[in-house]
Amino acid sequence: MATAQIRIQDLEAWCHIGVPESERAHPQRLLLDIGFETPTNDNDHIAATVDYFAVCQAALEVAQSRPRQLIETLARDVLAVLAERFPIRSARVRVRKFSVPGTGEVSVEIGGT
């Protein structure tokens, strides 16, 4: 069976995240990049693949569900939920944060499944 590589770039999530409590007090903008492999076939129907809109909604649900200190924790949590809910493999989640002074961004990428 053939496989498809699906990539979601720049999924915007507003999250309470950061080590100091003062940083977690207000939501900040994060961008999530999600990539995964899934089986595919010649059928031109959503049931023949993974619904990437549903993947986005699941990732946002996780990201906005509770405050976290680390973007590493957020990436692991998103990856775990996606692996649990969808028939995916070789998944990667990258979280980008823009609040560190003197940097364009800080990011973490975690893979699994």
N, C-alpha and C. Protein backbone atom coordinates (compact mmCIF):
# COMPACT_ATOMS: atom_id res chain seq x y z
N MET A 1 0.85 -1.19 0.00
CA MET A 1 0.00 0.00 0.00
C MET A 1 0.89 1.24 0.00
N ALA A 2 0.48 2.22 -0.75
CA ALA A 2 1.21 3.49 -0.83
C ALA A 2 1.01 4.29 0.45
N THR A 3 1.96 5.19 0.71
CA THR A 3 1.83 6.07 1.87
C THR A 3 1.90 7.52 1.40
N ALA A 4 1.30 8.38 2.18
CA ALA A 4 1.32 9.82 1.92
C ALA A 4 2.04 10.51 3.07
N GLN A 5 2.81 11.53 2.75
CA GLN A 5 3.43 12.40 3.74
C GLN A 5 2.55 13.65 3.84
N ILE A 6 1.97 13.87 4.98
CA ILE A 6 1.12 15.05 5.18
C ILE A 6 1.85 16.01 6.11
N ARG A 7 1.88 17.28 5.72
CA ARG A 7 2.54 18.31 6.54
C ARG A 7 1.58 19.47 6.78
N ILE A 8 1.51 19.89 8.01
CA ILE A 8 0.73 21.06 8.41
C ILE A 8 1.73 22.07 8.92
N GLN A 9 1.74 23.24 8.35
CA GLN A 9 2.71 24.27 8.71
C GLN A 9 2.01 25.47 9.37
N ASP A 10 2.65 26.03 10.36
CA ASP A 10 2.22 27.29 10.98
C ASP A 10 0.80 27.26 11.55
N LEU A 11 0.45 26.17 12.22
CA LEU A 11 -0.83 26.11 12.93
C LEU A 11 -0.72 27.01 14.15
N GLU A 12 -1.51 28.06 14.19
CA GLU A 12 -1.41 29.06 15.25
C GLU A 12 -2.22 28.64 16.47
N ALA A 13 -1.55 28.66 17.61
CA ALA A 13 -2.19 28.32 18.89
C ALA A 13 -1.81 29.39 19.91
N TRP A 14 -2.77 29.82 20.67
CA TRP A 14 -2.54 30.77 21.76
C TRP A 14 -2.58 30.00 23.07
N CYS A 15 -1.43 29.96 23.75
CA CYS A 15 -1.26 29.09 24.91
C CYS A 15 -0.68 29.83 26.10
N HIS A 16 -1.04 29.34 27.28
CA HIS A 16 -0.40 29.79 28.52
C HIS A 16 0.80 28.88 28.72
N ILE A 17 1.99 29.41 28.42
CA ILE A 17 3.18 28.58 28.45
C ILE A 17 4.38 29.42 28.87
N GLY A 18 5.28 28.81 29.62
CA GLY A 18 6.49 29.50 30.06
C GLY A 18 6.88 29.06 31.45
N VAL A 19 8.15 29.20 31.76
CA VAL A 19 8.63 28.77 33.07
C VAL A 19 8.16 29.72 34.18
N PRO A 20 8.39 31.03 34.05
CA PRO A 20 7.89 31.89 35.13
C PRO A 20 6.35 32.01 35.07
N GLU A 21 5.76 32.06 36.22
CA GLU A 21 4.30 32.21 36.30
C GLU A 21 3.83 33.47 35.57
N SER A 22 4.62 34.52 35.63
CA SER A 22 4.26 35.77 34.96
C SER A 22 4.15 35.58 33.45
N GLU A 23 4.97 34.70 32.88
CA GLU A 23 4.91 34.43 31.43
C GLU A 23 3.66 33.62 31.08
N ARG A 24 3.27 32.71 31.96
CA ARG A 24 2.08 31.89 31.72
C ARG A 24 0.79 32.66 31.98
N ALA A 25 0.87 33.83 32.59
CA ALA A 25 -0.33 34.59 32.97
C ALA A 25 -1.16 35.02 31.75
N HIS A 26 -0.52 35.24 30.63
CA HIS A 26 -1.22 35.69 29.42
C HIS A 26 -0.91 34.73 28.28
N PRO A 27 -1.90 34.42 27.46
CA PRO A 27 -1.62 33.52 26.34
C PRO A 27 -0.62 34.15 25.37
N GLN A 28 0.23 33.31 24.83
CA GLN A 28 1.18 33.77 23.82
C GLN A 28 1.04 32.91 22.57
N ARG A 29 1.41 33.51 21.47
CA ARG A 29 1.28 32.87 20.17
C ARG A 29 2.41 31.87 19.96
N LEU A 30 2.01 30.65 19.61
CA LEU A 30 2.95 29.61 19.22
C LEU A 30 2.55 29.14 17.82
N LEU A 31 3.49 28.62 17.08
CA LEU A 31 3.20 27.99 15.80
C LEU A 31 3.60 26.53 15.88
N LEU A 32 2.71 25.67 15.41
CA LEU A 32 2.96 24.24 15.41
C LEU A 32 3.10 23.77 13.97
N ASP A 33 4.12 22.97 13.72
CA ASP A 33 4.30 22.28 12.45
C ASP A 33 4.14 20.80 12.75
N ILE A 34 3.30 20.15 11.98
CA ILE A 34 2.99 18.74 12.21
C ILE A 34 3.20 17.99 10.90
N GLY A 35 3.90 16.89 10.97
CA GLY A 35 4.10 16.05 9.80
C GLY A 35 3.91 14.60 10.17
N PHE A 36 3.33 13.82 9.25
CA PHE A 36 3.14 12.41 9.53
C PHE A 36 2.96 11.64 8.23
N GLU A 37 3.10 10.34 8.34
CA GLU A 37 2.90 9.43 7.22
C GLU A 37 1.63 8.63 7.48
N THR A 38 0.87 8.41 6.43
CA THR A 38 -0.36 7.64 6.56
C THR A 38 -0.58 6.82 5.30
N PRO A 39 -1.20 5.65 5.41
CA PRO A 39 -1.52 4.87 4.21
C PRO A 39 -2.48 5.64 3.31
N THR A 40 -2.38 5.40 2.03
CA THR A 40 -3.27 6.05 1.07
C THR A 40 -3.59 5.07 -0.05
N ASN A 41 -4.62 5.38 -0.81
CA ASN A 41 -4.96 4.54 -1.97
C ASN A 41 -5.54 5.43 -3.06
N ASP A 42 -6.11 4.84 -4.07
CA ASP A 42 -6.60 5.60 -5.22
C ASP A 42 -7.98 6.21 -5.00
N ASN A 43 -8.59 5.97 -3.86
CA ASN A 43 -9.93 6.47 -3.57
C ASN A 43 -9.88 7.97 -3.30
N ASP A 44 -10.71 8.74 -3.98
CA ASP A 44 -10.77 10.19 -3.81
C ASP A 44 -11.84 10.55 -2.78
N HIS A 45 -11.64 10.06 -1.56
CA HIS A 45 -12.61 10.29 -0.49
C HIS A 45 -11.85 10.48 0.82
N ILE A 46 -12.35 11.34 1.67
CA ILE A 46 -11.68 11.66 2.94
C ILE A 46 -11.45 10.41 3.81
N ALA A 47 -12.31 9.43 3.68
CA ALA A 47 -12.16 8.20 4.47
C ALA A 47 -10.92 7.41 4.06
N ALA A 48 -10.33 7.73 2.91
CA ALA A 48 -9.15 7.01 2.42
C ALA A 48 -7.86 7.57 2.98
N THR A 49 -7.94 8.60 3.80
CA THR A 49 -6.74 9.23 4.33
C THR A 49 -7.01 9.73 5.74
N VAL A 50 -6.12 10.52 6.29
CA VAL A 50 -6.32 11.17 7.58
C VAL A 50 -6.83 12.59 7.32
N ASP A 51 -7.89 12.95 7.97
CA ASP A 51 -8.49 14.28 7.82
C ASP A 51 -7.59 15.29 8.53
N TYR A 52 -6.84 16.06 7.75
CA TYR A 52 -5.88 16.98 8.36
C TYR A 52 -6.56 18.13 9.09
N PHE A 53 -7.81 18.46 8.74
CA PHE A 53 -8.55 19.45 9.53
C PHE A 53 -8.79 18.91 10.94
N ALA A 54 -9.16 17.64 11.04
CA ALA A 54 -9.36 17.01 12.35
C ALA A 54 -8.06 16.94 13.14
N VAL A 55 -6.95 16.71 12.44
CA VAL A 55 -5.63 16.71 13.10
C VAL A 55 -5.35 18.10 13.69
N CYS A 56 -5.62 19.13 12.91
CA CYS A 56 -5.42 20.51 13.40
C CYS A 56 -6.28 20.78 14.63
N GLN A 57 -7.54 20.39 14.58
CA GLN A 57 -8.43 20.63 15.71
C GLN A 57 -7.97 19.88 16.95
N ALA A 58 -7.51 18.65 16.79
CA ALA A 58 -7.01 17.87 17.93
C ALA A 58 -5.76 18.52 18.52
N ALA A 59 -4.86 18.98 17.67
CA ALA A 59 -3.64 19.63 18.15
C ALA A 59 -3.96 20.91 18.91
N LEU A 60 -4.89 21.71 18.39
CA LEU A 60 -5.28 22.94 19.08
C LEU A 60 -5.96 22.65 20.41
N GLU A 61 -6.78 21.63 20.42
CA GLU A 61 -7.46 21.23 21.67
C GLU A 61 -6.43 20.90 22.75
N VAL A 62 -5.41 20.14 22.39
CA VAL A 62 -4.35 19.80 23.34
C VAL A 62 -3.58 21.04 23.76
N ALA A 63 -3.18 21.84 22.78
CA ALA A 63 -2.35 23.01 23.05
C ALA A 63 -3.03 23.99 23.99
N GLN A 64 -4.32 24.14 23.85
CA GLN A 64 -5.03 25.15 24.62
C GLN A 64 -5.75 24.57 25.85
N SER A 65 -5.52 23.29 26.14
CA SER A 65 -6.24 22.62 27.21
C SER A 65 -5.79 23.01 28.62
N ARG A 66 -4.52 23.36 28.78
CA ARG A 66 -4.01 23.67 30.12
C ARG A 66 -2.68 24.42 30.00
N PRO A 67 -2.30 25.14 31.05
CA PRO A 67 -0.99 25.81 31.05
C PRO A 67 0.13 24.77 31.13
N ARG A 68 1.26 25.11 30.53
CA ARG A 68 2.46 24.27 30.59
C ARG A 68 3.67 25.17 30.76
N GLN A 69 4.72 24.61 31.31
CA GLN A 69 5.96 25.36 31.43
C GLN A 69 6.81 25.24 30.17
N LEU A 70 6.86 24.05 29.58
CA LEU A 70 7.82 23.76 28.51
C LEU A 70 7.15 23.50 27.16
N ILE A 71 7.77 24.02 26.11
CA ILE A 71 7.28 23.69 24.77
C ILE A 71 7.56 22.22 24.45
N GLU A 72 8.56 21.63 25.10
CA GLU A 72 8.82 20.20 24.92
C GLU A 72 7.63 19.37 25.39
N THR A 73 7.05 19.75 26.51
CA THR A 73 5.88 19.05 27.04
C THR A 73 4.71 19.18 26.07
N LEU A 74 4.50 20.36 25.56
CA LEU A 74 3.42 20.57 24.61
C LEU A 74 3.61 19.70 23.36
N ALA A 75 4.81 19.67 22.81
CA ALA A 75 5.07 18.85 21.62
C ALA A 75 4.80 17.37 21.90
N ARG A 76 5.24 16.88 23.06
CA ARG A 76 5.00 15.47 23.42
C ARG A 76 3.52 15.19 23.59
N ASP A 77 2.79 16.12 24.23
CA ASP A 77 1.35 15.93 24.45
C ASP A 77 0.59 15.88 23.12
N VAL A 78 0.94 16.77 22.21
CA VAL A 78 0.28 16.78 20.90
C VAL A 78 0.58 15.49 20.16
N LEU A 79 1.83 15.09 20.15
CA LEU A 79 2.23 13.86 19.46
C LEU A 79 1.47 12.65 20.02
N ALA A 80 1.36 12.56 21.32
CA ALA A 80 0.67 11.43 21.95
C ALA A 80 -0.80 11.38 21.56
N VAL A 81 -1.48 12.51 21.56
CA VAL A 81 -2.90 12.53 21.21
C VAL A 81 -3.10 12.19 19.74
N LEU A 82 -2.25 12.70 18.87
CA LEU A 82 -2.38 12.39 17.45
C LEU A 82 -2.17 10.90 17.19
N ALA A 83 -1.18 10.31 17.85
CA ALA A 83 -0.92 8.88 17.68
C ALA A 83 -2.08 8.04 18.21
N GLU A 84 -2.74 8.53 19.23
CA GLU A 84 -3.87 7.82 19.85
C GLU A 84 -5.12 7.90 18.98
N ARG A 85 -5.36 9.04 18.33
CA ARG A 85 -6.62 9.27 17.62
C ARG A 85 -6.60 8.97 16.13
N PHE A 86 -5.41 8.93 15.52
CA PHE A 86 -5.34 8.83 14.05
C PHE A 86 -4.40 7.71 13.62
N PRO A 87 -4.67 7.10 12.46
CA PRO A 87 -3.79 6.05 11.94
C PRO A 87 -2.57 6.65 11.25
N ILE A 88 -1.64 7.13 12.06
CA ILE A 88 -0.45 7.79 11.52
C ILE A 88 0.80 7.09 12.02
N ARG A 89 1.90 7.34 11.32
CA ARG A 89 3.20 6.85 11.79
C ARG A 89 4.25 7.86 11.35
N SER A 90 5.42 7.71 11.90
CA SER A 90 6.53 8.63 11.62
C SER A 90 6.12 10.08 11.80
N ALA A 91 5.45 10.36 12.89
CA ALA A 91 4.94 11.71 13.14
C ALA A 91 6.01 12.59 13.78
N ARG A 92 5.93 13.88 13.48
CA ARG A 92 6.82 14.88 14.08
C ARG A 92 5.98 16.10 14.42
N VAL A 93 6.26 16.69 15.58
CA VAL A 93 5.59 17.92 15.99
C VAL A 93 6.69 18.92 16.35
N ARG A 94 6.63 20.08 15.74
CA ARG A 94 7.56 21.16 16.04
C ARG A 94 6.75 22.31 16.62
N VAL A 95 7.22 22.85 17.75
CA VAL A 95 6.56 23.98 18.40
C VAL A 95 7.54 25.15 18.37
N ARG A 96 7.07 26.30 17.89
CA ARG A 96 7.90 27.50 17.82
C ARG A 96 7.32 28.57 18.74
N LYS A 97 8.23 29.19 19.49
CA LYS A 97 7.87 30.20 20.48
C LYS A 97 8.64 31.49 20.15
N PHE A 98 8.00 32.64 20.36
CA PHE A 98 8.57 33.91 19.90
C PHE A 98 8.80 34.93 21.02
N SER A 99 8.83 34.48 22.26
CA SER A 99 8.89 35.42 23.38
C SER A 99 10.26 35.53 24.04
N VAL A 100 11.28 34.89 23.50
CA VAL A 100 12.59 34.94 24.13
C VAL A 100 13.34 36.16 23.59
N PRO A 101 13.67 37.11 24.46
CA PRO A 101 14.34 38.33 24.01
C PRO A 101 15.63 38.04 23.24
N GLY A 102 15.82 38.77 22.15
CA GLY A 102 17.03 38.64 21.37
C GLY A 102 17.03 37.50 20.36
N THR A 103 15.89 36.79 20.24
CA THR A 103 15.81 35.69 19.29
C THR A 103 14.60 35.90 18.37
N GLY A 104 14.68 35.34 17.17
CA GLY A 104 13.53 35.32 16.29
C GLY A 104 12.52 34.29 16.76
N GLU A 105 13.04 33.15 17.18
CA GLU A 105 12.19 32.09 17.71
C GLU A 105 13.05 31.08 18.44
N VAL A 106 12.39 30.30 19.28
CA VAL A 106 12.97 29.13 19.91
C VAL A 106 12.02 27.99 19.55
N SER A 107 12.58 26.84 19.19
CA SER A 107 11.69 25.74 18.81
C SER A 107 12.19 24.42 19.35
N VAL A 108 11.28 23.47 19.38
CA VAL A 108 11.59 22.08 19.71
C VAL A 108 10.83 21.21 18.72
N GLU A 109 11.45 20.10 18.35
CA GLU A 109 10.79 19.13 17.46
C GLU A 109 10.93 17.76 18.07
N ILE A 110 9.81 17.05 18.13
CA ILE A 110 9.78 15.72 18.72
C ILE A 110 9.10 14.78 17.73
N GLY A 111 9.65 13.59 17.60
CA GLY A 111 9.08 12.61 16.69
C GLY A 111 8.78 11.32 17.40
N GLY A 112 7.95 10.51 16.77
CA GLY A 112 7.61 9.24 17.35
C GLY A 112 6.57 8.49 16.55
N THR A 113 5.95 7.55 17.17
CA THR A 113 4.94 6.60 16.68
C THR A 113 5.46 5.62 15.71
